[in-house]
């Protein structure tokens, strides 16, 4: 599966920049569990990849906590019993990670004050709740006195 990996409309990671490693997956699997290399690790070396420089810088900055040796992005998939399914899952996960890292940051929240009506409703609800609790107390005219 050395195909190119489309991330966004304007960015596609070349298949030559991706490396796949296979190993034995943990967990149940029957007779083939000890002989089948179904776990997949998909590796993208951001320093060596053919990416535009602003894109590379943004990915290195945003994915800094996930990078191995400060340059390689590694995604593992082992939830499926078939290697092909794990390869697909790893590619989807890599695509999602890269797309999320390249997305523009969300708009900054503009702080606002609570309206006078919302403050009044909040206090009224608190008073009503207090009255309910007061009615439960012994000797206060509740059903228990």
N, C-alpha and C. Protein backbone atom coordinates (compact mmCIF):
# COMPACT_ATOMS: atom_id res chain seq x y z
N UNK A 1 0.83 -1.19 0.00
CA UNK A 1 0.00 0.00 0.00
C UNK A 1 0.87 1.25 0.00
N UNK A 2 1.73 1.38 -0.96
CA UNK A 2 2.61 2.54 -1.03
C UNK A 2 1.92 3.67 -1.77
N UNK A 3 0.60 3.74 -1.68
CA UNK A 3 -0.14 4.79 -2.35
C UNK A 3 0.04 6.10 -1.62
N UNK A 4 -0.24 7.19 -2.35
CA UNK A 4 -0.19 8.51 -1.73
C UNK A 4 -1.31 8.63 -0.72
N UNK A 5 -1.11 9.50 0.27
CA UNK A 5 -2.06 9.68 1.36
C UNK A 5 -2.66 11.08 1.27
N UNK A 6 -3.88 11.22 0.72
CA UNK A 6 -4.49 12.56 0.65
C UNK A 6 -4.91 13.01 2.05
N UNK A 7 -4.44 14.20 2.44
CA UNK A 7 -4.72 14.73 3.78
C UNK A 7 -5.79 15.83 3.68
N UNK A 8 -5.51 16.83 2.86
CA UNK A 8 -6.47 17.90 2.60
C UNK A 8 -6.56 18.04 1.08
N UNK A 9 -7.39 18.99 0.64
CA UNK A 9 -7.49 19.20 -0.81
C UNK A 9 -6.17 19.66 -1.41
N UNK A 10 -5.39 20.38 -0.62
CA UNK A 10 -4.15 20.93 -1.15
C UNK A 10 -2.90 20.14 -0.75
N UNK A 11 -3.03 19.17 0.14
CA UNK A 11 -1.86 18.43 0.61
C UNK A 11 -2.06 16.92 0.46
N UNK A 12 -1.08 16.30 -0.19
CA UNK A 12 -1.03 14.85 -0.31
C UNK A 12 0.37 14.40 0.07
N UNK A 13 0.45 13.44 0.99
CA UNK A 13 1.74 12.89 1.40
C UNK A 13 2.09 11.77 0.43
N UNK A 14 3.29 11.84 -0.12
CA UNK A 14 3.72 10.82 -1.08
C UNK A 14 3.86 9.47 -0.40
N UNK A 15 3.51 8.43 -1.12
CA UNK A 15 3.64 7.08 -0.58
C UNK A 15 5.09 6.73 -0.25
N UNK A 16 6.04 7.32 -0.98
CA UNK A 16 7.46 7.05 -0.74
C UNK A 16 7.92 7.62 0.60
N UNK A 17 7.19 8.61 1.14
CA UNK A 17 7.56 9.22 2.43
C UNK A 17 7.02 8.43 3.61
N UNK A 18 6.16 7.45 3.34
CA UNK A 18 5.57 6.64 4.41
C UNK A 18 6.30 5.31 4.52
N UNK A 19 6.49 4.85 5.75
CA UNK A 19 7.12 3.56 6.00
C UNK A 19 6.17 2.72 6.84
N UNK A 20 5.99 1.47 6.47
CA UNK A 20 5.14 0.57 7.24
C UNK A 20 6.01 -0.49 7.89
N UNK A 21 5.72 -0.76 9.18
CA UNK A 21 6.39 -1.84 9.90
C UNK A 21 5.30 -2.77 10.40
N UNK A 22 5.60 -4.05 10.42
CA UNK A 22 4.62 -5.04 10.85
C UNK A 22 5.18 -5.84 12.01
N UNK A 23 4.28 -6.20 12.94
CA UNK A 23 4.68 -7.03 14.07
C UNK A 23 3.48 -7.84 14.52
N UNK A 24 3.72 -8.72 15.46
CA UNK A 24 2.62 -9.56 15.96
C UNK A 24 1.74 -8.74 16.88
N UNK A 25 0.47 -8.92 16.70
CA UNK A 25 -0.52 -8.19 17.48
C UNK A 25 -0.81 -8.95 18.76
N UNK A 26 -1.10 -8.24 19.84
CA UNK A 26 -1.45 -8.90 21.09
C UNK A 26 -2.94 -9.21 21.09
N UNK A 27 -3.37 -9.99 22.06
CA UNK A 27 -4.78 -10.28 22.20
C UNK A 27 -5.19 -11.57 21.52
N UNK A 28 -6.49 -11.87 21.51
CA UNK A 28 -6.98 -13.14 20.98
C UNK A 28 -6.82 -13.21 19.46
N UNK A 29 -6.72 -14.41 18.95
CA UNK A 29 -6.58 -14.54 17.51
C UNK A 29 -6.59 -15.97 17.03
N UNK A 30 -6.69 -16.92 17.93
CA UNK A 30 -6.76 -18.31 17.50
C UNK A 30 -5.42 -18.85 17.08
N UNK A 31 -5.43 -19.76 16.12
CA UNK A 31 -4.20 -20.47 15.73
C UNK A 31 -3.16 -19.55 15.12
N UNK A 32 -3.62 -18.52 14.41
CA UNK A 32 -2.67 -17.67 13.68
C UNK A 32 -2.06 -16.56 14.50
N UNK A 33 -2.39 -16.47 15.79
CA UNK A 33 -1.96 -15.31 16.57
C UNK A 33 -0.44 -15.22 16.70
N UNK A 34 0.25 -16.35 16.73
CA UNK A 34 1.70 -16.33 16.92
C UNK A 34 2.46 -16.33 15.61
N UNK A 35 1.77 -16.41 14.49
CA UNK A 35 2.47 -16.49 13.21
C UNK A 35 2.17 -15.32 12.28
N UNK A 36 1.13 -14.56 12.55
CA UNK A 36 0.72 -13.51 11.64
C UNK A 36 1.16 -12.15 12.16
N UNK A 37 1.83 -11.40 11.31
CA UNK A 37 2.22 -10.03 11.67
C UNK A 37 1.10 -9.09 11.25
N UNK A 38 0.09 -8.95 12.10
CA UNK A 38 -1.08 -8.15 11.70
C UNK A 38 -1.04 -6.73 12.26
N UNK A 39 -0.20 -6.45 13.24
CA UNK A 39 -0.08 -5.10 13.79
C UNK A 39 0.71 -4.24 12.81
N UNK A 40 0.24 -3.01 12.59
CA UNK A 40 0.88 -2.13 11.62
C UNK A 40 1.31 -0.83 12.29
N UNK A 41 2.53 -0.42 12.02
CA UNK A 41 3.01 0.91 12.43
C UNK A 41 3.30 1.69 11.16
N UNK A 42 2.65 2.82 11.03
CA UNK A 42 2.86 3.69 9.87
C UNK A 42 3.71 4.88 10.34
N UNK A 43 4.83 5.09 9.67
CA UNK A 43 5.79 6.12 10.09
C UNK A 43 5.94 7.17 9.00
N UNK A 44 5.86 8.43 9.41
CA UNK A 44 6.11 9.55 8.50
C UNK A 44 7.23 10.39 9.09
N UNK A 45 8.35 10.46 8.38
CA UNK A 45 9.47 11.29 8.82
C UNK A 45 9.23 12.70 8.29
N UNK A 46 8.82 13.60 9.18
CA UNK A 46 8.45 14.96 8.76
C UNK A 46 9.64 15.75 8.22
N UNK A 47 10.83 15.47 8.73
CA UNK A 47 12.02 16.19 8.26
C UNK A 47 12.38 15.80 6.82
N UNK A 48 12.22 14.52 6.49
CA UNK A 48 12.62 14.03 5.17
C UNK A 48 11.49 14.07 4.15
N UNK A 49 10.25 14.25 4.61
CA UNK A 49 9.11 14.20 3.70
C UNK A 49 9.11 15.38 2.74
N UNK A 50 8.53 15.15 1.57
CA UNK A 50 8.43 16.18 0.54
C UNK A 50 7.19 17.03 0.84
N UNK A 51 7.36 18.02 1.74
CA UNK A 51 6.26 18.89 2.15
C UNK A 51 6.67 20.35 1.98
N UNK A 52 5.72 21.22 1.72
CA UNK A 52 6.05 22.66 1.69
C UNK A 52 6.56 23.10 3.07
N UNK A 53 7.50 24.01 3.09
CA UNK A 53 8.15 24.41 4.34
C UNK A 53 7.18 24.94 5.40
N UNK A 54 6.22 25.83 5.05
CA UNK A 54 5.29 26.29 6.09
C UNK A 54 4.46 25.13 6.69
N UNK A 55 4.09 24.19 5.83
CA UNK A 55 3.32 23.03 6.30
C UNK A 55 4.16 22.18 7.24
N UNK A 56 5.42 21.94 6.86
CA UNK A 56 6.32 21.15 7.70
C UNK A 56 6.51 21.81 9.06
N UNK A 57 6.71 23.12 9.07
CA UNK A 57 6.92 23.84 10.33
C UNK A 57 5.68 23.75 11.22
N UNK A 58 4.51 23.90 10.60
CA UNK A 58 3.26 23.84 11.38
C UNK A 58 3.06 22.44 11.97
N UNK A 59 3.34 21.40 11.18
CA UNK A 59 3.19 20.03 11.68
C UNK A 59 4.18 19.75 12.79
N UNK A 60 5.42 20.17 12.63
CA UNK A 60 6.42 19.94 13.67
C UNK A 60 6.04 20.64 14.97
N UNK A 61 5.47 21.83 14.85
CA UNK A 61 5.08 22.58 16.04
C UNK A 61 3.86 21.95 16.72
N UNK A 62 2.84 21.64 15.93
CA UNK A 62 1.59 21.15 16.50
C UNK A 62 1.67 19.70 16.99
N UNK A 63 2.51 18.89 16.37
CA UNK A 63 2.61 17.48 16.74
C UNK A 63 3.84 17.18 17.59
N UNK A 64 4.45 18.20 18.15
CA UNK A 64 5.71 18.03 18.89
C UNK A 64 5.61 16.97 19.98
N UNK A 65 4.48 16.89 20.66
CA UNK A 65 4.33 15.92 21.74
C UNK A 65 4.19 14.49 21.27
N UNK A 66 3.88 14.28 20.00
CA UNK A 66 3.66 12.93 19.46
C UNK A 66 4.85 12.42 18.65
N UNK A 67 5.82 13.27 18.39
CA UNK A 67 6.91 12.89 17.51
C UNK A 67 7.95 12.05 18.23
N UNK A 68 8.51 11.06 17.52
CA UNK A 68 9.60 10.25 18.02
C UNK A 68 10.90 10.87 17.50
N UNK A 69 11.83 11.09 18.38
CA UNK A 69 13.11 11.74 18.04
C UNK A 69 12.91 13.12 17.45
N UNK A 70 11.78 13.75 17.74
CA UNK A 70 11.51 15.10 17.29
C UNK A 70 11.24 15.24 15.80
N UNK A 71 11.08 14.12 15.10
CA UNK A 71 10.89 14.23 13.65
C UNK A 71 9.96 13.19 13.05
N UNK A 72 9.74 12.05 13.70
CA UNK A 72 8.93 10.98 13.11
C UNK A 72 7.57 10.88 13.79
N UNK A 73 6.54 10.85 12.98
CA UNK A 73 5.18 10.63 13.47
C UNK A 73 4.84 9.16 13.25
N UNK A 74 4.52 8.46 14.35
CA UNK A 74 4.26 7.02 14.29
C UNK A 74 2.82 6.77 14.71
N UNK A 75 2.10 6.03 13.89
CA UNK A 75 0.71 5.65 14.19
C UNK A 75 0.65 4.13 14.13
N UNK A 76 0.08 3.51 15.18
CA UNK A 76 -0.03 2.06 15.23
C UNK A 76 -1.50 1.66 15.17
N UNK A 77 -1.76 0.51 14.55
CA UNK A 77 -3.12 -0.03 14.49
C UNK A 77 -3.03 -1.54 14.67
N UNK A 78 -3.80 -2.05 15.63
CA UNK A 78 -3.81 -3.49 15.85
C UNK A 78 -5.19 -3.99 16.26
N UNK A 79 -6.22 -3.19 15.99
CA UNK A 79 -7.56 -3.57 16.45
C UNK A 79 -8.22 -4.64 15.58
N UNK A 80 -7.72 -4.82 14.37
CA UNK A 80 -8.30 -5.83 13.47
C UNK A 80 -7.41 -7.06 13.43
N UNK A 81 -7.99 -8.18 13.06
CA UNK A 81 -7.20 -9.41 12.97
C UNK A 81 -6.48 -9.52 11.63
N UNK A 82 -6.95 -8.79 10.63
CA UNK A 82 -6.35 -8.84 9.30
C UNK A 82 -5.38 -7.67 9.12
N UNK A 83 -4.23 -7.97 8.55
CA UNK A 83 -3.21 -6.94 8.35
C UNK A 83 -3.71 -5.83 7.43
N UNK A 84 -4.43 -6.18 6.40
CA UNK A 84 -4.93 -5.19 5.45
C UNK A 84 -5.86 -4.18 6.13
N UNK A 85 -6.72 -4.68 7.01
CA UNK A 85 -7.63 -3.80 7.75
C UNK A 85 -6.85 -2.87 8.67
N UNK A 86 -5.79 -3.39 9.30
CA UNK A 86 -4.96 -2.56 10.17
C UNK A 86 -4.19 -1.52 9.36
N UNK A 87 -3.79 -1.88 8.16
CA UNK A 87 -3.11 -0.90 7.30
C UNK A 87 -4.05 0.25 6.96
N UNK A 88 -5.30 -0.09 6.63
CA UNK A 88 -6.29 0.95 6.34
C UNK A 88 -6.53 1.82 7.57
N UNK A 89 -6.68 1.19 8.72
CA UNK A 89 -6.94 1.93 9.96
C UNK A 89 -5.78 2.87 10.29
N UNK A 90 -4.56 2.42 10.10
CA UNK A 90 -3.39 3.26 10.38
C UNK A 90 -3.35 4.46 9.44
N UNK A 91 -3.66 4.23 8.17
CA UNK A 91 -3.67 5.33 7.20
C UNK A 91 -4.76 6.34 7.53
N UNK A 92 -5.94 5.85 7.93
CA UNK A 92 -7.02 6.77 8.31
C UNK A 92 -6.64 7.59 9.53
N UNK A 93 -6.01 6.93 10.50
CA UNK A 93 -5.59 7.62 11.72
C UNK A 93 -4.52 8.67 11.42
N UNK A 94 -3.58 8.33 10.54
CA UNK A 94 -2.53 9.27 10.15
C UNK A 94 -3.14 10.47 9.44
N UNK A 95 -4.08 10.22 8.54
CA UNK A 95 -4.76 11.30 7.82
C UNK A 95 -5.48 12.23 8.79
N UNK A 96 -6.20 11.66 9.74
CA UNK A 96 -6.94 12.46 10.72
C UNK A 96 -5.99 13.31 11.57
N UNK A 97 -4.87 12.71 11.99
CA UNK A 97 -3.90 13.46 12.80
C UNK A 97 -3.31 14.64 12.03
N UNK A 98 -2.91 14.38 10.80
CA UNK A 98 -2.31 15.44 9.99
C UNK A 98 -3.32 16.54 9.67
N UNK A 99 -4.55 16.15 9.33
CA UNK A 99 -5.58 17.14 9.01
C UNK A 99 -5.91 17.99 10.24
N UNK A 100 -5.97 17.37 11.41
CA UNK A 100 -6.26 18.12 12.63
C UNK A 100 -5.12 19.09 12.95
N UNK A 101 -3.88 18.66 12.73
CA UNK A 101 -2.74 19.53 13.02
C UNK A 101 -2.65 20.70 12.04
N UNK A 102 -3.14 20.50 10.82
CA UNK A 102 -3.07 21.55 9.82
C UNK A 102 -4.27 22.49 9.87
N UNK A 103 -5.32 22.09 10.56
CA UNK A 103 -6.52 22.93 10.63
C UNK A 103 -6.21 24.24 11.34
N UNK A 104 -6.85 25.33 10.93
CA UNK A 104 -6.61 26.60 11.61
C UNK A 104 -7.13 26.54 13.04
N UNK A 105 -6.52 27.29 13.94
CA UNK A 105 -6.97 27.26 15.33
C UNK A 105 -8.40 27.80 15.43
N UNK A 106 -9.17 27.34 16.42
CA UNK A 106 -10.54 27.84 16.55
C UNK A 106 -10.54 29.32 16.90
N UNK A 107 -11.66 29.99 16.59
CA UNK A 107 -11.76 31.41 16.91
C UNK A 107 -11.68 31.60 18.41
N UNK A 108 -11.03 32.66 18.81
CA UNK A 108 -10.88 32.93 20.23
C UNK A 108 -12.23 33.33 20.82
N UNK A 109 -12.52 32.81 22.00
CA UNK A 109 -13.79 33.12 22.64
C UNK A 109 -13.77 34.54 23.15
N UNK A 110 -14.83 35.25 22.86
CA UNK A 110 -14.95 36.62 23.34
C UNK A 110 -15.71 36.58 24.66
N UNK A 111 -15.07 36.97 25.77
CA UNK A 111 -15.75 36.86 27.06
C UNK A 111 -16.95 37.82 27.15
N UNK A 112 -18.06 37.31 27.69
CA UNK A 112 -19.25 38.13 27.86
C UNK A 112 -19.74 38.01 29.29
N UNK A 113 -20.53 38.97 29.71
CA UNK A 113 -21.08 38.94 31.05
C UNK A 113 -22.45 38.27 31.01
N UNK A 114 -22.84 37.59 32.10
CA UNK A 114 -24.18 37.02 32.12
C UNK A 114 -25.22 38.14 32.11
N UNK A 115 -26.34 37.90 31.43
CA UNK A 115 -27.38 38.94 31.36
C UNK A 115 -28.06 39.05 32.72
N UNK A 116 -28.71 40.16 32.93
CA UNK A 116 -29.41 40.39 34.19
C UNK A 116 -30.50 39.35 34.38
N UNK A 117 -31.19 39.01 33.29
CA UNK A 117 -32.26 38.01 33.36
C UNK A 117 -31.73 36.63 33.73
N UNK A 118 -30.58 36.24 33.18
CA UNK A 118 -30.03 34.92 33.49
C UNK A 118 -29.56 34.87 34.95
N UNK A 119 -29.03 35.98 35.45
CA UNK A 119 -28.62 36.02 36.87
C UNK A 119 -29.85 35.88 37.77
N UNK A 120 -30.93 36.60 37.41
CA UNK A 120 -32.16 36.55 38.21
C UNK A 120 -32.74 35.13 38.20
N UNK A 121 -32.80 34.48 37.02
CA UNK A 121 -33.32 33.12 36.92
C UNK A 121 -32.49 32.15 37.76
N UNK A 122 -31.19 32.33 37.74
CA UNK A 122 -30.30 31.45 38.51
C UNK A 122 -30.58 31.60 40.01
N UNK A 123 -30.69 32.83 40.48
CA UNK A 123 -30.95 33.05 41.90
C UNK A 123 -32.34 32.56 42.31
N UNK A 124 -33.32 32.76 41.44
CA UNK A 124 -34.67 32.26 41.73
C UNK A 124 -34.67 30.74 41.86
N UNK A 125 -33.94 30.06 40.97
CA UNK A 125 -33.87 28.60 41.02
C UNK A 125 -33.19 28.14 42.31
N UNK A 126 -32.16 28.87 42.73
CA UNK A 126 -31.47 28.52 43.98
C UNK A 126 -32.40 28.70 45.18
N UNK A 127 -33.18 29.79 45.17
CA UNK A 127 -34.11 30.03 46.28
C UNK A 127 -35.18 28.95 46.32
N UNK A 128 -35.70 28.58 45.15
CA UNK A 128 -36.73 27.55 45.09
C UNK A 128 -36.19 26.21 45.60
N UNK A 129 -34.96 25.89 45.24
CA UNK A 129 -34.34 24.65 45.70
C UNK A 129 -34.17 24.68 47.22
N UNK A 130 -33.78 25.84 47.75
CA UNK A 130 -33.64 25.98 49.20
C UNK A 130 -34.97 25.79 49.92
N UNK A 131 -36.03 26.31 49.33
CA UNK A 131 -37.36 26.15 49.94
C UNK A 131 -37.77 24.67 49.95
N UNK A 132 -37.47 23.96 48.88
CA UNK A 132 -37.78 22.53 48.82
C UNK A 132 -37.05 21.80 49.95
N UNK A 133 -35.78 22.11 50.13
CA UNK A 133 -34.99 21.44 51.17
C UNK A 133 -35.45 21.84 52.56
N UNK A 134 -35.85 23.11 52.71
CA UNK A 134 -36.35 23.58 54.00
C UNK A 134 -37.62 22.82 54.39
N UNK A 135 -38.46 22.51 53.41
CA UNK A 135 -39.69 21.78 53.67
C UNK A 135 -39.45 20.34 54.10
N UNK A 136 -38.28 19.80 53.83
CA UNK A 136 -37.96 18.43 54.22
C UNK A 136 -37.48 18.34 55.67
N UNK A 137 -37.08 19.47 56.25
CA UNK A 137 -36.52 19.44 57.59
C UNK A 137 -37.58 19.11 58.62
N UNK A 138 -37.19 18.42 59.68
CA UNK A 138 -38.08 18.03 60.74
C UNK A 138 -38.48 19.25 61.56
N UNK A 139 -39.76 19.35 61.91
CA UNK A 139 -40.21 20.44 62.73
C UNK A 139 -40.43 21.74 61.98
N UNK A 140 -40.40 21.70 60.68
CA UNK A 140 -40.56 22.93 59.87
C UNK A 140 -41.87 22.90 59.10
N UNK A 141 -42.77 22.09 59.50
CA UNK A 141 -44.05 22.06 58.80
C UNK A 141 -44.08 21.10 57.64
N UNK A 142 -43.07 20.25 57.52
CA UNK A 142 -43.05 19.27 56.44
C UNK A 142 -43.97 18.12 56.79
N UNK A 143 -43.97 17.08 56.00
CA UNK A 143 -44.82 15.93 56.21
C UNK A 143 -44.37 15.08 57.39
N UNK A 144 -43.20 15.31 57.92
CA UNK A 144 -42.57 14.42 58.91
C UNK A 144 -42.78 14.89 60.33
N UNK A 145 -43.27 16.12 60.52
CA UNK A 145 -43.33 16.67 61.88
C UNK A 145 -44.48 16.12 62.69
